[in-house]
Amino acid sequence: MQIPYILISLAVIALILILLAIFLRKRVKPGQKLSVLTAISFAFVIAGIIFGENRILGYSFMGVGVLIAIIDIILKTKKK
């Protein structure tokens, strides 16, 4: 019963990461490093995948990671 939810969530996360990579590829200079918020959000998403067996914990980590990534994107767009 949990497998379809996990597969759907992984597919959505993969789609978001692919779109984000395409978007950032056009805007990021070759030598530019990741921001601190980007690294933290990436760590939360990876932790959500690792702790995917516990649905509440896994989805919570993923949600926090996506939320931090969105905040980072908003801060970067306002900065420019």
PDB file of N, CA and C in Angstrom:
ATOM      1  N   MET A   1       0.806  -1.195   0.000  1.00  0.00           N
ATOM      2  CA  MET A   1       0.000   0.000   0.000  1.00  0.00           C
ATOM      3  C   MET A   1       0.856   1.269   0.000  1.00  0.00           C
ATOM      4  N   GLN A   2       2.015   1.251   0.617  1.00  0.00           N
ATOM      5  CA  GLN A   2       2.841   2.443   0.714  1.00  0.00           C
ATOM      6  C   GLN A   2       3.672   2.676  -0.544  1.00  0.00           C
ATOM      7  N   ILE A   3       3.879   1.636  -1.320  1.00  0.00           N
ATOM      8  CA  ILE A   3       4.761   1.741  -2.476  1.00  0.00           C
ATOM      9  C   ILE A   3       4.268   2.778  -3.492  1.00  0.00           C
ATOM     10  N   PRO A   4       2.983   2.829  -3.843  1.00  0.00           N
ATOM     11  CA  PRO A   4       2.565   3.865  -4.809  1.00  0.00           C
ATOM     12  C   PRO A   4       2.814   5.290  -4.311  1.00  0.00           C
ATOM     13  N   TYR A   5       2.592   5.539  -3.026  1.00  0.00           N
ATOM     14  CA  TYR A   5       2.830   6.877  -2.484  1.00  0.00           C
ATOM     15  C   TYR A   5       4.307   7.239  -2.549  1.00  0.00           C
ATOM     16  N   ILE A   6       5.150   6.291  -2.219  1.00  0.00           N
ATOM     17  CA  ILE A   6       6.592   6.541  -2.247  1.00  0.00           C
ATOM     18  C   ILE A   6       7.056   6.783  -3.677  1.00  0.00           C
ATOM     19  N   LEU A   7       6.579   5.980  -4.608  1.00  0.00           N
ATOM     20  CA  LEU A   7       6.982   6.156  -6.003  1.00  0.00           C
ATOM     21  C   LEU A   7       6.498   7.482  -6.570  1.00  0.00           C
ATOM     22  N   ILE A   8       5.283   7.858  -6.238  1.00  0.00           N
ATOM     23  CA  ILE A   8       4.754   9.138  -6.707  1.00  0.00           C
ATOM     24  C   ILE A   8       5.551  10.297  -6.117  1.00  0.00           C
ATOM     25  N   SER A   9       5.850  10.227  -4.824  1.00  0.00           N
ATOM     26  CA  SER A   9       6.604  11.316  -4.200  1.00  0.00           C
ATOM     27  C   SER A   9       8.025  11.391  -4.754  1.00  0.00           C
ATOM     28  N   LEU A  10       8.657  10.256  -4.999  1.00  0.00           N
ATOM     29  CA  LEU A  10       9.996  10.269  -5.585  1.00  0.00           C
ATOM     30  C   LEU A  10       9.970  10.813  -7.008  1.00  0.00           C
ATOM     31  N   ALA A  11       8.933  10.478  -7.765  1.00  0.00           N
ATOM     32  CA  ALA A  11       8.818  10.992  -9.135  1.00  0.00           C
ATOM     33  C   ALA A  11       8.626  12.508  -9.123  1.00  0.00           C
ATOM     34  N   VAL A  12       7.807  13.003  -8.208  1.00  0.00           N
ATOM     35  CA  VAL A  12       7.590  14.452  -8.114  1.00  0.00           C
ATOM     36  C   VAL A  12       8.863  15.154  -7.690  1.00  0.00           C
ATOM     37  N   ILE A  13       9.578  14.596  -6.732  1.00  0.00           N
ATOM     38  CA  ILE A  13      10.837  15.199  -6.279  1.00  0.00           C
ATOM     39  C   ILE A  13      11.859  15.185  -7.408  1.00  0.00           C
ATOM     40  N   ALA A  14      11.930  14.083  -8.145  1.00  0.00           N
ATOM     41  CA  ALA A  14      12.864  14.012  -9.273  1.00  0.00           C
ATOM     42  C   ALA A  14      12.519  15.050 -10.329  1.00  0.00           C
ATOM     43  N   LEU A  15      11.239  15.231 -10.607  1.00  0.00           N
ATOM     44  CA  LEU A  15      10.816  16.227 -11.585  1.00  0.00           C
ATOM     45  C   LEU A  15      11.177  17.638 -11.121  1.00  0.00           C
ATOM     46  N   ILE A  16      10.950  17.916  -9.854  1.00  0.00           N
ATOM     47  CA  ILE A  16      11.292  19.232  -9.308  1.00  0.00           C
ATOM     48  C   ILE A  16      12.800  19.465  -9.384  1.00  0.00           C
ATOM     49  N   LEU A  17      13.590  18.455  -9.048  1.00  0.00           N
ATOM     50  CA  LEU A  17      15.046  18.610  -9.097  1.00  0.00           C
ATOM     51  C   LEU A  17      15.543  18.788 -10.525  1.00  0.00           C
ATOM     52  N   ILE A  18      14.942  18.084 -11.477  1.00  0.00           N
ATOM     53  CA  ILE A  18      15.337  18.237 -12.875  1.00  0.00           C
ATOM     54  C   ILE A  18      15.014  19.643 -13.371  1.00  0.00           C
ATOM     55  N   LEU A  19      13.810  20.123 -13.070  1.00  0.00           N
ATOM     56  CA  LEU A  19      13.435  21.475 -13.480  1.00  0.00           C
ATOM     57  C   LEU A  19      14.311  22.522 -12.803  1.00  0.00           C
ATOM     58  N   LEU A  20      14.619  22.298 -11.535  1.00  0.00           N
ATOM     59  CA  LEU A  20      15.488  23.225 -10.813  1.00  0.00           C
ATOM     60  C   LEU A  20      16.899  23.222 -11.399  1.00  0.00           C
ATOM     61  N   ALA A  21      17.395  22.044 -11.770  1.00  0.00           N
ATOM     62  CA  ALA A  21      18.733  21.949 -12.365  1.00  0.00           C
ATOM     63  C   ALA A  21      18.778  22.649 -13.718  1.00  0.00           C
ATOM     64  N   ILE A  22      17.728  22.500 -14.511  1.00  0.00           N
ATOM     65  CA  ILE A  22      17.680  23.185 -15.805  1.00  0.00           C
ATOM     66  C   ILE A  22      17.631  24.697 -15.597  1.00  0.00           C
ATOM     67  N   PHE A  23      16.826  25.130 -14.651  1.00  0.00           N
ATOM     68  CA  PHE A  23      16.706  26.560 -14.371  1.00  0.00           C
ATOM     69  C   PHE A  23      18.020  27.132 -13.854  1.00  0.00           C
ATOM     70  N   LEU A  24      18.669  26.421 -12.940  1.00  0.00           N
ATOM     71  CA  LEU A  24      19.912  26.927 -12.358  1.00  0.00           C
ATOM     72  C   LEU A  24      21.083  26.833 -13.323  1.00  0.00           C
ATOM     73  N   ARG A  25      21.038  25.898 -14.232  1.00  0.00           N
ATOM     74  CA  ARG A  25      22.129  25.733 -15.184  1.00  0.00           C
ATOM     75  C   ARG A  25      22.270  26.993 -16.047  1.00  0.00           C
ATOM     76  N   LYS A  26      21.165  27.617 -16.356  1.00  0.00           N
ATOM     77  CA  LYS A  26      21.195  28.817 -17.177  1.00  0.00           C
ATOM     78  C   LYS A  26      21.670  30.028 -16.388  1.00  0.00           C
ATOM     79  N   ARG A  27      21.457  30.027 -15.081  1.00  0.00           N
ATOM     80  CA  ARG A  27      21.725  31.220 -14.281  1.00  0.00           C
ATOM     81  C   ARG A  27      23.016  31.142 -13.471  1.00  0.00           C
ATOM     82  N   VAL A  28      23.504  29.944 -13.191  1.00  0.00           N
ATOM     83  CA  VAL A  28      24.666  29.785 -12.314  1.00  0.00           C
ATOM     84  C   VAL A  28      25.947  29.828 -13.134  1.00  0.00           C
ATOM     85  N   LYS A  29      26.898  30.586 -12.649  1.00  0.00           N
ATOM     86  CA  LYS A  29      28.203  30.633 -13.287  1.00  0.00           C
ATOM     87  C   LYS A  29      28.960  29.350 -12.953  1.00  0.00           C
ATOM     88  N   PRO A  30      29.889  28.930 -13.799  1.00  0.00           N
ATOM     89  CA  PRO A  30      30.578  27.649 -13.580  1.00  0.00           C
ATOM     90  C   PRO A  30      31.296  27.523 -12.236  1.00  0.00           C
ATOM     91  N   GLY A  31      31.873  28.582 -11.718  1.00  0.00           N
ATOM     92  CA  GLY A  31      32.620  28.501 -10.467  1.00  0.00           C
ATOM     93  C   GLY A  31      31.807  28.809  -9.222  1.00  0.00           C
ATOM     94  N   GLN A  32      30.518  29.068  -9.376  1.00  0.00           N
ATOM     95  CA  GLN A  32      29.696  29.482  -8.243  1.00  0.00           C
ATOM     96  C   GLN A  32      29.342  28.282  -7.365  1.00  0.00           C
ATOM     97  N   LYS A  33      29.438  28.463  -6.048  1.00  0.00           N
ATOM     98  CA  LYS A  33      29.159  27.388  -5.105  1.00  0.00           C
ATOM     99  C   LYS A  33      27.706  27.434  -4.640  1.00  0.00           C
ATOM    100  N   LEU A  34      27.270  26.341  -4.032  1.00  0.00           N
ATOM    101  CA  LEU A  34      25.925  26.282  -3.467  1.00  0.00           C
ATOM    102  C   LEU A  34      25.854  27.172  -2.226  1.00  0.00           C
ATOM    103  N   SER A  35      24.681  27.736  -1.999  1.00  0.00           N
ATOM    104  CA  SER A  35      24.499  28.522  -0.786  1.00  0.00           C
ATOM    105  C   SER A  35      24.273  27.583   0.395  1.00  0.00           C
ATOM    106  N   VAL A  36      24.341  28.137   1.565  1.00  0.00           N
ATOM    107  CA  VAL A  36      24.162  27.336   2.779  1.00  0.00           C
ATOM    108  C   VAL A  36      22.744  26.771   2.844  1.00  0.00           C
ATOM    109  N   LEU A  37      21.750  27.594   2.495  1.00  0.00           N
ATOM    110  CA  LEU A  37      20.364  27.118   2.535  1.00  0.00           C
ATOM    111  C   LEU A  37      20.125  25.999   1.517  1.00  0.00           C
ATOM    112  N   THR A  38      20.761  26.085   0.369  1.00  0.00           N
ATOM    113  CA  THR A  38      20.616  25.035  -0.633  1.00  0.00           C
ATOM    114  C   THR A  38      21.190  23.720  -0.116  1.00  0.00           C
ATOM    115  N   ALA A  39      22.338  23.778   0.512  1.00  0.00           N
ATOM    116  CA  ALA A  39      22.954  22.565   1.052  1.00  0.00           C
ATOM    117  C   ALA A  39      22.105  21.962   2.174  1.00  0.00           C
ATOM    118  N   ILE A  40      21.547  22.817   3.022  1.00  0.00           N
ATOM    119  CA  ILE A  40      20.702  22.328   4.110  1.00  0.00           C
ATOM    120  C   ILE A  40      19.430  21.690   3.569  1.00  0.00           C
ATOM    121  N   SER A  41      18.822  22.324   2.570  1.00  0.00           N
ATOM    122  CA  SER A  41      17.599  21.761   2.003  1.00  0.00           C
ATOM    123  C   SER A  41      17.885  20.434   1.314  1.00  0.00           C
ATOM    124  N   PHE A  42      19.008  20.343   0.631  1.00  0.00           N
ATOM    125  CA  PHE A  42      19.392  19.086  -0.010  1.00  0.00           C
ATOM    126  C   PHE A  42      19.587  17.989   1.035  1.00  0.00           C
ATOM    127  N   ALA A  43      20.199  18.336   2.157  1.00  0.00           N
ATOM    128  CA  ALA A  43      20.409  17.355   3.231  1.00  0.00           C
ATOM    129  C   ALA A  43      19.076  16.874   3.810  1.00  0.00           C
ATOM    130  N   PHE A  44      18.119  17.776   3.972  1.00  0.00           N
ATOM    131  CA  PHE A  44      16.810  17.380   4.485  1.00  0.00           C
ATOM    132  C   PHE A  44      16.080  16.449   3.513  1.00  0.00           C
ATOM    133  N   VAL A  45      16.173  16.733   2.221  1.00  0.00           N
ATOM    134  CA  VAL A  45      15.512  15.870   1.245  1.00  0.00           C
ATOM    135  C   VAL A  45      16.149  14.482   1.239  1.00  0.00           C
ATOM    136  N   ILE A  46      17.464  14.424   1.295  1.00  0.00           N
ATOM    137  CA  ILE A  46      18.155  13.124   1.350  1.00  0.00           C
ATOM    138  C   ILE A  46      17.778  12.384   2.627  1.00  0.00           C
ATOM    139  N   ALA A  47      17.691  13.094   3.743  1.00  0.00           N
ATOM    140  CA  ALA A  47      17.275  12.454   5.003  1.00  0.00           C
ATOM    141  C   ALA A  47      15.851  11.929   4.891  1.00  0.00           C
ATOM    142  N   GLY A  48      14.991  12.650   4.193  1.00  0.00           N
ATOM    143  CA  GLY A  48      13.627  12.185   3.983  1.00  0.00           C
ATOM    144  C   GLY A  48      13.580  10.906   3.177  1.00  0.00           C
ATOM    145  N   ILE A  49      14.456  10.794   2.189  1.00  0.00           N
ATOM    146  CA  ILE A  49      14.519   9.560   1.403  1.00  0.00           C
ATOM    147  C   ILE A  49      15.061   8.419   2.253  1.00  0.00           C
ATOM    148  N   ILE A  50      16.075   8.708   3.049  1.00  0.00           N
ATOM    149  CA  ILE A  50      16.678   7.659   3.890  1.00  0.00           C
ATOM    150  C   ILE A  50      15.682   7.150   4.933  1.00  0.00           C
ATOM    151  N   PHE A  51      14.952   8.060   5.566  1.00  0.00           N
ATOM    152  CA  PHE A  51      13.988   7.676   6.587  1.00  0.00           C
ATOM    153  C   PHE A  51      12.591   7.481   6.004  1.00  0.00           C
ATOM    154  N   GLY A  52      12.524   7.029   4.770  1.00  0.00           N
ATOM    155  CA  GLY A  52      11.255   6.855   4.073  1.00  0.00           C
ATOM    156  C   GLY A  52      10.374   5.765   4.636  1.00  0.00           C
ATOM    157  N   GLU A  53      10.945   4.830   5.381  1.00  0.00           N
ATOM    158  CA  GLU A  53      10.127   3.754   5.966  1.00  0.00           C
ATOM    159  C   GLU A  53       9.125   4.310   6.975  1.00  0.00           C
ATOM    160  N   ASN A  54       9.580   5.252   7.772  1.00  0.00           N
ATOM    161  CA  ASN A  54       8.686   5.928   8.702  1.00  0.00           C
ATOM    162  C   ASN A  54       8.057   7.090   7.950  1.00  0.00           C
ATOM    163  N   ARG A  55       6.819   6.924   7.544  1.00  0.00           N
ATOM    164  CA  ARG A  55       6.170   7.875   6.633  1.00  0.00           C
ATOM    165  C   ARG A  55       6.148   9.296   7.190  1.00  0.00           C
ATOM    166  N   ILE A  56       5.794   9.458   8.435  1.00  0.00           N
ATOM    167  CA  ILE A  56       5.694  10.798   9.016  1.00  0.00           C
ATOM    168  C   ILE A  56       7.067  11.473   9.046  1.00  0.00           C
ATOM    169  N   LEU A  57       8.074  10.762   9.479  1.00  0.00           N
ATOM    170  CA  LEU A  57       9.419  11.324   9.570  1.00  0.00           C
ATOM    171  C   LEU A  57       9.984  11.623   8.184  1.00  0.00           C
ATOM    172  N   GLY A  58       9.824  10.695   7.248  1.00  0.00           N
ATOM    173  CA  GLY A  58      10.362  10.885   5.905  1.00  0.00           C
ATOM    174  C   GLY A  58       9.730  12.056   5.186  1.00  0.00           C
ATOM    175  N   TYR A  59       8.401  12.112   5.201  1.00  0.00           N
ATOM    176  CA  TYR A  59       7.711  13.220   4.530  1.00  0.00           C
ATOM    177  C   TYR A  59       7.965  14.548   5.226  1.00  0.00           C
ATOM    178  N   SER A  60       8.137  14.516   6.530  1.00  0.00           N
ATOM    179  CA  SER A  60       8.448  15.757   7.251  1.00  0.00           C
ATOM    180  C   SER A  60       9.801  16.304   6.817  1.00  0.00           C
ATOM    181  N   PHE A  61      10.802  15.433   6.748  1.00  0.00           N
ATOM    182  CA  PHE A  61      12.120  15.865   6.291  1.00  0.00           C
ATOM    183  C   PHE A  61      12.052  16.413   4.862  1.00  0.00           C
ATOM    184  N   MET A  62      11.347  15.704   3.993  1.00  0.00           N
ATOM    185  CA  MET A  62      11.239  16.170   2.606  1.00  0.00           C
ATOM    186  C   MET A  62      10.521  17.509   2.527  1.00  0.00           C
ATOM    187  N   GLY A  63       9.463  17.663   3.295  1.00  0.00           N
ATOM    188  CA  GLY A  63       8.723  18.915   3.291  1.00  0.00           C
ATOM    189  C   GLY A  63       9.563  20.084   3.779  1.00  0.00           C
ATOM    190  N   VAL A  64      10.323  19.851   4.837  1.00  0.00           N
ATOM    191  CA  VAL A  64      11.205  20.910   5.357  1.00  0.00           C
ATOM    192  C   VAL A  64      12.263  21.262   4.321  1.00  0.00           C
ATOM    193  N   GLY A  65      12.817  20.250   3.660  1.00  0.00           N
ATOM    194  CA  GLY A  65      13.830  20.502   2.633  1.00  0.00           C
ATOM    195  C   GLY A  65      13.291  21.312   1.471  1.00  0.00           C
ATOM    196  N   VAL A  66      12.105  20.971   1.009  1.00  0.00           N
ATOM    197  CA  VAL A  66      11.498  21.713  -0.097  1.00  0.00           C
ATOM    198  C   VAL A  66      11.158  23.132   0.342  1.00  0.00           C
ATOM    199  N   LEU A  67      10.662  23.297   1.556  1.00  0.00           N
ATOM    200  CA  LEU A  67      10.334  24.623   2.071  1.00  0.00           C
ATOM    201  C   LEU A  67      11.582  25.507   2.158  1.00  0.00           C
ATOM    202  N   ILE A  68      12.674  24.961   2.645  1.00  0.00           N
ATOM    203  CA  ILE A  68      13.923  25.726   2.735  1.00  0.00           C
ATOM    204  C   ILE A  68      14.426  26.069   1.336  1.00  0.00           C
ATOM    205  N   ALA A  69      14.292  25.151   0.390  1.00  0.00           N
ATOM    206  CA  ALA A  69      14.721  25.431  -0.982  1.00  0.00           C
ATOM    207  C   ALA A  69      13.894  26.564  -1.593  1.00  0.00           C
ATOM    208  N   ILE A  70      12.602  26.560  -1.342  1.00  0.00           N
ATOM    209  CA  ILE A  70      11.741  27.622  -1.861  1.00  0.00           C
ATOM    210  C   ILE A  70      12.116  28.965  -1.240  1.00  0.00           C
ATOM    211  N   ILE A  71      12.380  28.967   0.062  1.00  0.00           N
ATOM    212  CA  ILE A  71      12.801  30.206   0.733  1.00  0.00           C
ATOM    213  C   ILE A  71      14.115  30.706   0.143  1.00  0.00           C
ATOM    214  N   ASP A  72      15.051  29.796  -0.120  1.00  0.00           N
ATOM    215  CA  ASP A  72      16.326  30.169  -0.711  1.00  0.00           C
ATOM    216  C   ASP A  72      16.133  30.764  -2.094  1.00  0.00           C
ATOM    217  N   ILE A  73      15.265  30.184  -2.896  1.00  0.00           N
ATOM    218  CA  ILE A  73      14.999  30.708  -4.239  1.00  0.00           C
ATOM    219  C   ILE A  73      14.404  32.103  -4.157  1.00  0.00           C
ATOM    220  N   ILE A  74      13.468  32.300  -3.243  1.00  0.00           N
ATOM    221  CA  ILE A  74      12.834  33.613  -3.090  1.00  0.00           C
ATOM    222  C   ILE A  74      13.864  34.649  -2.641  1.00  0.00           C
ATOM    223  N   LEU A  75      14.725  34.286  -1.697  1.00  0.00           N
ATOM    224  CA  LEU A  75      15.749  35.230  -1.236  1.00  0.00           C
ATOM    225  C   LEU A  75      16.722  35.584  -2.349  1.00  0.00           C
ATOM    226  N   LYS A  76      17.091  34.607  -3.180  1.00  0.00           N
ATOM    227  CA  LYS A  76      18.019  34.872  -4.271  1.00  0.00           C
ATOM    228  C   LYS A  76      17.390  35.767  -5.339  1.00  0.00           C
ATOM    229  N   THR A  77      16.108  35.581  -5.614  1.00  0.00           N
ATOM    230  CA  THR A  77      15.478  36.418  -6.628  1.00  0.00           C
ATOM    231  C   THR A  77      15.291  37.855  -6.123  1.00  0.00           C
ATOM    232  N   LYS A  78      15.028  38.017  -4.842  1.00  0.00           N
ATOM    233  CA  LYS A  78      14.889  39.373  -4.284  1.00  0.00           C
ATOM    234  C   LYS A  78      16.217  40.081  -4.199  1.00  0.00           C
ATOM    235  N   LYS A  79      17.303  39.312  -4.057  1.00  0.00           N
ATOM    236  CA  LYS A  79      18.623  39.899  -3.933  1.00  0.00           C
ATOM    237  C   LYS A  79      19.051  40.543  -5.254  1.00  0.00           C
ATOM    238  N   LYS A  80      18.637  39.957  -6.362  1.00  0.00           N
ATOM    239  CA  LYS A  80      19.024  40.484  -7.681  1.00  0.00           C
ATOM    240  C   LYS A  80      18.033  41.493  -8.071  1.00  0.00           C
TER     241      LYS A  80
END
